[in-house]
N, C-alpha and C. Protein backbone atom coordinates (compact mmCIF):
# COMPACT_ATOMS: atom_id res chain seq x y z
N MET A 1 210.60 167.00 168.56
CA MET A 1 210.32 166.30 167.33
C MET A 1 210.35 164.80 167.55
N ASN A 2 211.23 164.38 168.42
CA ASN A 2 211.35 162.97 168.74
C ASN A 2 210.07 162.46 169.40
N ILE A 3 209.45 163.24 170.24
CA ILE A 3 208.20 162.87 170.91
C ILE A 3 207.08 162.75 169.87
N PHE A 4 207.08 163.65 168.90
CA PHE A 4 206.07 163.62 167.85
C PHE A 4 206.16 162.32 167.05
N ILE A 5 207.35 161.92 166.69
CA ILE A 5 207.54 160.68 165.92
C ILE A 5 207.16 159.47 166.75
N SER A 6 207.53 159.45 168.01
CA SER A 6 207.19 158.29 168.84
C SER A 6 205.67 158.19 169.04
N ARG A 7 205.00 159.32 169.23
CA ARG A 7 203.53 159.29 169.36
C ARG A 7 202.88 158.87 168.04
N PHE A 8 203.41 159.35 166.94
CA PHE A 8 202.87 158.97 165.62
C PHE A 8 203.01 157.47 165.40
N LEU A 9 204.17 156.93 165.74
CA LEU A 9 204.38 155.49 165.60
C LEU A 9 203.46 154.70 166.54
N TRP A 10 203.25 155.22 167.75
CA TRP A 10 202.37 154.55 168.71
C TRP A 10 200.93 154.52 168.18
N VAL A 11 200.44 155.64 167.65
CA VAL A 11 199.09 155.71 167.07
C VAL A 11 198.99 154.81 165.85
N LEU A 12 200.00 154.78 165.03
CA LEU A 12 200.03 153.93 163.84
C LEU A 12 199.96 152.46 164.23
N CYS A 13 200.72 152.05 165.22
CA CYS A 13 200.70 150.65 165.68
C CYS A 13 199.35 150.30 166.28
N LEU A 14 198.79 151.19 167.05
CA LEU A 14 197.49 150.95 167.65
C LEU A 14 196.40 150.81 166.59
N SER A 15 196.40 151.68 165.61
CA SER A 15 195.39 151.62 164.56
C SER A 15 195.56 150.36 163.69
N CYS A 16 196.80 149.96 163.44
CA CYS A 16 197.04 148.73 162.67
C CYS A 16 196.53 147.51 163.42
N SER A 17 196.73 147.50 164.74
CA SER A 17 196.26 146.35 165.52
C SER A 17 194.74 146.29 165.54
N LEU A 18 194.07 147.44 165.59
CA LEU A 18 192.61 147.46 165.57
C LEU A 18 192.07 147.04 164.21
N PHE A 19 192.62 147.58 163.14
CA PHE A 19 192.15 147.25 161.80
C PHE A 19 192.55 145.84 161.40
N GLY A 20 193.64 145.36 161.95
CA GLY A 20 194.07 143.99 161.64
C GLY A 20 193.05 142.97 162.11
N SER A 21 192.45 143.20 163.29
CA SER A 21 191.43 142.26 163.78
C SER A 21 190.16 142.36 162.94
N VAL A 22 189.83 143.51 162.43
CA VAL A 22 188.67 143.66 161.57
C VAL A 22 188.90 142.92 160.25
N TRP A 23 190.07 143.04 159.69
CA TRP A 23 190.37 142.34 158.44
C TRP A 23 190.36 140.83 158.65
N ALA A 24 190.82 140.38 159.79
CA ALA A 24 190.84 138.95 160.07
C ALA A 24 189.41 138.41 160.15
N GLU A 25 188.47 139.16 160.70
CA GLU A 25 187.09 138.72 160.79
C GLU A 25 186.47 138.58 159.41
N GLU A 26 186.81 139.45 158.49
CA GLU A 26 186.28 139.36 157.14
C GLU A 26 186.75 138.09 156.44
N ASP A 27 187.97 137.65 156.71
CA ASP A 27 188.51 136.46 156.07
C ASP A 27 187.87 135.18 156.59
N GLU A 28 187.28 135.23 157.77
CA GLU A 28 186.69 134.05 158.38
C GLU A 28 185.22 133.85 158.00
N SER A 29 184.76 134.54 156.98
CA SER A 29 183.36 134.40 156.59
C SER A 29 183.10 132.98 156.08
N ALA A 30 181.83 132.60 156.05
CA ALA A 30 181.45 131.24 155.65
C ALA A 30 181.83 130.99 154.19
N PRO A 31 182.33 129.79 153.90
CA PRO A 31 182.69 129.48 152.52
C PRO A 31 181.43 129.41 151.65
N PRO A 32 181.56 129.74 150.38
CA PRO A 32 180.39 129.70 149.50
C PRO A 32 179.89 128.26 149.34
N SER A 33 178.60 128.13 149.14
CA SER A 33 178.03 126.79 148.99
C SER A 33 178.48 126.19 147.65
N VAL A 34 178.66 124.89 147.67
CA VAL A 34 179.11 124.17 146.49
C VAL A 34 177.92 123.45 145.89
N ALA A 35 177.75 123.57 144.59
CA ALA A 35 176.64 122.90 143.91
C ALA A 35 176.80 121.40 144.01
N GLN A 36 175.68 120.73 144.24
CA GLN A 36 175.66 119.28 144.28
C GLN A 36 174.67 118.80 143.24
N TYR A 37 175.02 117.72 142.55
CA TYR A 37 174.18 117.18 141.49
C TYR A 37 173.69 115.80 141.87
N HIS A 38 172.48 115.49 141.43
CA HIS A 38 171.91 114.17 141.68
C HIS A 38 171.23 113.70 140.39
N ASN A 39 171.62 112.50 139.93
CA ASN A 39 171.00 111.91 138.75
C ASN A 39 169.72 111.20 139.16
N LEU A 40 168.64 111.51 138.49
CA LEU A 40 167.39 110.81 138.73
C LEU A 40 167.40 109.57 137.85
N SER A 41 167.52 108.41 138.46
CA SER A 41 167.60 107.19 137.65
C SER A 41 166.53 106.22 138.10
N PRO A 42 166.05 105.42 137.22
CA PRO A 42 166.47 105.17 135.84
C PRO A 42 166.00 106.28 134.90
N SER A 43 166.35 106.14 133.64
CA SER A 43 165.98 107.12 132.63
C SER A 43 164.47 107.27 132.54
N PHE A 44 164.04 108.44 132.12
CA PHE A 44 162.62 108.69 131.90
C PHE A 44 162.26 108.26 130.48
N VAL A 45 161.23 107.45 130.35
CA VAL A 45 160.74 107.02 129.04
C VAL A 45 159.25 107.29 129.01
N ALA A 46 158.79 107.99 127.97
CA ALA A 46 157.37 108.31 127.85
C ALA A 46 156.98 108.31 126.39
N ASN A 47 155.74 107.91 126.11
CA ASN A 47 155.24 108.08 124.75
C ASN A 47 154.60 109.46 124.68
N PHE A 48 154.59 110.06 123.49
CA PHE A 48 154.09 111.42 123.35
C PHE A 48 153.41 111.57 122.01
N GLY A 49 152.79 112.69 121.82
CA GLY A 49 152.16 113.01 120.54
C GLY A 49 150.69 112.63 120.52
N SER A 50 150.13 112.69 119.34
CA SER A 50 148.71 112.43 119.15
C SER A 50 148.39 110.95 119.31
N SER A 51 147.26 110.66 119.92
CA SER A 51 146.83 109.26 120.06
C SER A 51 146.19 108.76 118.77
N ASN A 52 145.95 109.66 117.80
CA ASN A 52 145.36 109.28 116.51
C ASN A 52 146.39 108.63 115.60
N SER A 53 147.65 108.82 115.86
CA SER A 53 148.71 108.28 115.02
C SER A 53 148.81 106.77 115.22
N LYS A 54 149.09 106.04 114.12
CA LYS A 54 149.23 104.59 114.20
C LYS A 54 150.58 104.19 114.79
N LYS A 55 151.56 105.05 114.66
CA LYS A 55 152.90 104.74 115.15
C LYS A 55 153.14 105.44 116.48
N LEU A 56 153.63 104.69 117.46
CA LEU A 56 153.94 105.27 118.75
C LEU A 56 155.25 106.06 118.68
N LYS A 57 155.30 107.15 119.41
CA LYS A 57 156.50 107.98 119.48
C LYS A 57 156.96 108.01 120.93
N PHE A 58 158.26 107.89 121.12
CA PHE A 58 158.81 107.82 122.47
C PHE A 58 159.89 108.87 122.67
N VAL A 59 160.03 109.29 123.92
CA VAL A 59 161.13 110.15 124.31
C VAL A 59 161.80 109.48 125.51
N LYS A 60 163.12 109.48 125.50
CA LYS A 60 163.90 108.96 126.61
C LYS A 60 164.82 110.08 127.07
N ALA A 61 164.79 110.36 128.35
CA ALA A 61 165.60 111.46 128.88
C ALA A 61 166.25 111.05 130.18
N ASP A 62 167.52 111.41 130.32
CA ASP A 62 168.22 111.30 131.59
C ASP A 62 168.21 112.68 132.22
N VAL A 63 167.87 112.74 133.49
CA VAL A 63 167.69 114.03 134.17
C VAL A 63 168.57 114.09 135.40
N SER A 64 169.20 115.25 135.61
CA SER A 64 169.97 115.53 136.82
C SER A 64 169.44 116.83 137.41
N VAL A 65 169.49 116.92 138.73
CA VAL A 65 169.08 118.15 139.40
C VAL A 65 170.28 118.72 140.17
N ARG A 66 170.28 120.04 140.33
CA ARG A 66 171.34 120.72 141.07
C ARG A 66 170.74 121.40 142.29
N ALA A 67 171.41 121.23 143.42
CA ALA A 67 171.00 121.88 144.66
C ALA A 67 172.25 122.39 145.36
N SER A 68 172.06 123.26 146.33
CA SER A 68 173.22 123.85 147.01
C SER A 68 173.59 123.13 148.29
N ASN A 69 172.79 122.13 148.69
CA ASN A 69 173.13 121.42 149.92
C ASN A 69 172.63 119.98 149.89
N THR A 70 173.15 119.18 150.76
CA THR A 70 172.81 117.76 150.82
C THR A 70 171.37 117.56 151.27
N ALA A 71 170.87 118.41 152.13
CA ALA A 71 169.50 118.28 152.61
C ALA A 71 168.50 118.38 151.44
N ALA A 72 168.77 119.28 150.51
CA ALA A 72 167.88 119.43 149.36
C ALA A 72 167.92 118.18 148.48
N ILE A 73 169.10 117.62 148.28
CA ILE A 73 169.23 116.38 147.50
C ILE A 73 168.47 115.25 148.20
N ASN A 74 168.57 115.20 149.52
CA ASN A 74 167.83 114.17 150.28
C ASN A 74 166.33 114.33 150.12
N GLU A 75 165.84 115.57 150.09
CA GLU A 75 164.41 115.80 149.89
C GLU A 75 163.97 115.35 148.50
N VAL A 76 164.80 115.59 147.51
CA VAL A 76 164.48 115.12 146.16
C VAL A 76 164.40 113.60 146.15
N MET A 77 165.34 112.94 146.81
CA MET A 77 165.33 111.48 146.86
C MET A 77 164.13 110.97 147.66
N ASN A 78 163.74 111.67 148.72
CA ASN A 78 162.58 111.26 149.51
C ASN A 78 161.28 111.35 148.71
N HIS A 79 161.22 112.28 147.78
CA HIS A 79 160.01 112.49 146.97
C HIS A 79 160.26 112.09 145.52
N ASP A 80 161.06 111.07 145.33
CA ASP A 80 161.44 110.62 144.00
C ASP A 80 160.22 110.25 143.15
N ALA A 81 159.26 109.55 143.70
CA ALA A 81 158.08 109.13 142.94
C ALA A 81 157.30 110.33 142.43
N LEU A 82 157.14 111.34 143.26
CA LEU A 82 156.42 112.55 142.87
C LEU A 82 157.18 113.29 141.77
N VAL A 83 158.47 113.43 141.94
CA VAL A 83 159.30 114.13 140.94
C VAL A 83 159.24 113.39 139.61
N ARG A 84 159.40 112.08 139.64
CA ARG A 84 159.37 111.28 138.41
C ARG A 84 158.00 111.39 137.72
N HIS A 85 156.93 111.34 138.50
CA HIS A 85 155.59 111.45 137.93
C HIS A 85 155.42 112.78 137.20
N GLN A 86 155.84 113.87 137.84
CA GLN A 86 155.70 115.19 137.24
C GLN A 86 156.44 115.28 135.90
N ILE A 87 157.64 114.72 135.86
CA ILE A 87 158.44 114.80 134.63
C ILE A 87 157.85 113.91 133.54
N VAL A 88 157.43 112.70 133.89
CA VAL A 88 156.83 111.80 132.88
C VAL A 88 155.56 112.41 132.30
N MET A 89 154.72 112.98 133.14
CA MET A 89 153.48 113.60 132.64
C MET A 89 153.80 114.79 131.73
N LEU A 90 154.80 115.56 132.08
CA LEU A 90 155.20 116.69 131.23
C LEU A 90 155.68 116.19 129.87
N LEU A 91 156.54 115.19 129.86
CA LEU A 91 157.05 114.66 128.60
C LEU A 91 155.93 114.08 127.74
N SER A 92 154.95 113.45 128.36
CA SER A 92 153.84 112.84 127.63
C SER A 92 152.94 113.88 126.96
N ARG A 93 152.89 115.07 127.49
CA ARG A 93 152.04 116.14 126.92
C ARG A 93 152.67 116.84 125.73
N GLN A 94 153.91 116.57 125.43
CA GLN A 94 154.62 117.32 124.40
C GLN A 94 154.24 116.86 122.99
N THR A 95 154.49 117.74 122.04
CA THR A 95 154.27 117.41 120.62
C THR A 95 155.61 117.08 119.97
N GLU A 96 155.53 116.47 118.81
CA GLU A 96 156.75 116.12 118.08
C GLU A 96 157.53 117.38 117.70
N ASP A 97 156.83 118.43 117.33
CA ASP A 97 157.50 119.68 116.95
C ASP A 97 158.30 120.25 118.12
N THR A 98 157.75 120.18 119.31
CA THR A 98 158.43 120.72 120.49
C THR A 98 159.69 119.93 120.80
N LEU A 99 159.60 118.62 120.77
CA LEU A 99 160.73 117.78 121.16
C LEU A 99 161.78 117.63 120.07
N SER A 100 161.48 118.09 118.85
CA SER A 100 162.41 117.91 117.73
C SER A 100 163.44 119.01 117.58
N ASN A 101 163.32 120.09 118.32
CA ASN A 101 164.29 121.17 118.16
C ASN A 101 164.84 121.60 119.51
N PRO A 102 166.04 122.13 119.51
CA PRO A 102 166.68 122.52 120.78
C PRO A 102 165.92 123.57 121.57
N ALA A 103 165.29 124.51 120.90
CA ALA A 103 164.54 125.55 121.61
C ALA A 103 163.34 124.93 122.34
N GLY A 104 162.69 123.98 121.72
CA GLY A 104 161.57 123.30 122.35
C GLY A 104 162.03 122.46 123.53
N GLN A 105 163.16 121.79 123.38
CA GLN A 105 163.71 120.98 124.47
C GLN A 105 164.09 121.86 125.66
N GLU A 106 164.63 123.04 125.38
CA GLU A 106 164.98 123.97 126.46
C GLU A 106 163.71 124.45 127.17
N ALA A 107 162.65 124.71 126.40
CA ALA A 107 161.39 125.13 127.01
C ALA A 107 160.83 124.02 127.91
N VAL A 108 160.96 122.77 127.48
CA VAL A 108 160.51 121.64 128.29
C VAL A 108 161.36 121.54 129.56
N ARG A 109 162.67 121.77 129.44
CA ARG A 109 163.56 121.72 130.60
C ARG A 109 163.16 122.77 131.64
N VAL A 110 162.90 123.98 131.18
CA VAL A 110 162.52 125.07 132.08
C VAL A 110 161.17 124.77 132.73
N GLU A 111 160.23 124.23 131.96
CA GLU A 111 158.93 123.88 132.52
C GLU A 111 159.06 122.73 133.53
N ALA A 112 159.93 121.77 133.22
CA ALA A 112 160.17 120.65 134.16
C ALA A 112 160.73 121.18 135.47
N LEU A 113 161.68 122.10 135.40
CA LEU A 113 162.23 122.71 136.62
C LEU A 113 161.12 123.37 137.42
N SER A 114 160.28 124.12 136.76
CA SER A 114 159.20 124.84 137.42
C SER A 114 158.21 123.89 138.11
N ILE A 115 157.81 122.83 137.42
CA ILE A 115 156.80 121.94 138.02
C ILE A 115 157.41 121.09 139.13
N VAL A 116 158.68 120.73 139.01
CA VAL A 116 159.32 119.96 140.08
C VAL A 116 159.51 120.83 141.31
N GLN A 117 159.93 122.07 141.12
CA GLN A 117 160.06 122.99 142.25
C GLN A 117 158.72 123.21 142.93
N ALA A 118 157.65 123.37 142.14
CA ALA A 118 156.32 123.58 142.71
C ALA A 118 155.86 122.35 143.50
N ALA A 119 156.11 121.16 142.97
CA ALA A 119 155.71 119.94 143.66
C ALA A 119 156.48 119.78 144.97
N LEU A 120 157.78 120.06 144.93
CA LEU A 120 158.59 119.96 146.15
C LEU A 120 158.19 121.03 147.17
N LYS A 121 157.84 122.21 146.68
CA LYS A 121 157.41 123.27 147.59
C LYS A 121 156.11 122.88 148.29
N THR A 122 155.20 122.25 147.56
CA THR A 122 153.95 121.79 148.16
C THR A 122 154.21 120.75 149.24
N GLU A 123 155.15 119.85 148.98
CA GLU A 123 155.43 118.75 149.91
C GLU A 123 156.31 119.17 151.09
N THR A 124 157.30 120.01 150.83
CA THR A 124 158.30 120.32 151.85
C THR A 124 158.29 121.77 152.33
N GLY A 125 157.59 122.63 151.60
CA GLY A 125 157.59 124.04 151.96
C GLY A 125 158.72 124.82 151.33
N ASN A 126 159.55 124.12 150.52
CA ASN A 126 160.69 124.76 149.87
C ASN A 126 160.89 124.11 148.51
N GLY A 127 161.24 124.91 147.50
CA GLY A 127 161.45 124.38 146.15
C GLY A 127 162.65 123.46 146.04
N GLN A 128 163.58 123.54 146.98
CA GLN A 128 164.73 122.65 147.11
C GLN A 128 165.76 122.74 146.00
N ILE A 129 165.38 122.54 144.75
CA ILE A 129 166.39 122.44 143.68
C ILE A 129 166.56 123.78 142.97
N GLU A 130 167.78 124.00 142.48
CA GLU A 130 168.10 125.25 141.80
C GLU A 130 168.00 125.13 140.29
N ASP A 131 168.29 123.93 139.77
CA ASP A 131 168.23 123.75 138.32
C ASP A 131 168.01 122.29 138.00
N LEU A 132 167.59 122.05 136.77
CA LEU A 132 167.32 120.71 136.28
C LEU A 132 167.92 120.62 134.89
N PHE A 133 168.59 119.50 134.60
CA PHE A 133 169.28 119.34 133.32
C PHE A 133 168.88 118.04 132.65
N PHE A 134 168.76 118.08 131.33
CA PHE A 134 168.64 116.85 130.55
C PHE A 134 170.07 116.46 130.17
N THR A 135 170.57 115.37 130.71
CA THR A 135 171.92 114.94 130.38
C THR A 135 171.93 114.03 129.17
N SER A 136 170.77 113.56 128.77
CA SER A 136 170.59 112.78 127.55
C SER A 136 169.15 112.99 127.13
N PHE A 137 168.92 113.10 125.82
CA PHE A 137 167.56 113.35 125.32
C PHE A 137 167.44 112.69 123.96
N VAL A 138 166.63 111.64 123.87
CA VAL A 138 166.47 110.88 122.63
C VAL A 138 164.99 110.84 122.27
N VAL A 139 164.68 111.17 121.02
CA VAL A 139 163.31 111.14 120.53
C VAL A 139 163.22 110.10 119.43
N GLN A 140 162.26 109.17 119.56
CA GLN A 140 162.03 108.16 118.53
C GLN A 140 160.68 108.45 117.90
N ARG A 141 160.71 108.68 116.58
CA ARG A 141 159.46 109.00 115.86
C ARG A 141 159.01 107.83 115.04
């Protein structure tokens, strides 16, 4: 019986040492990526609405983008003029009804993300950014 217990303990120790190294490898996995934000400055200012109106209407928006790595932020900064152009043209195409309510502003935000990703993909081969946010949004009618 003593031999049985000693063999059992030997097998138990051996199996623990083998599984211990497997568990240690799982703990050494790569850390999750941390979101990085970049403010596109200066603020975006565009006139919008019908050209038939006697009064000009303006929108001013502060925009930030989120990416998972510094390289993507650098690509956004390298193509800043293209990104800014895409957003200004989008804001200029909007109507007063769209920019006056939160649902319309969210639709513009989603469309801005889509066109900026498409422009960056054309230039760099990768959409680069994960999200786009309006950190300030002012409409003057």
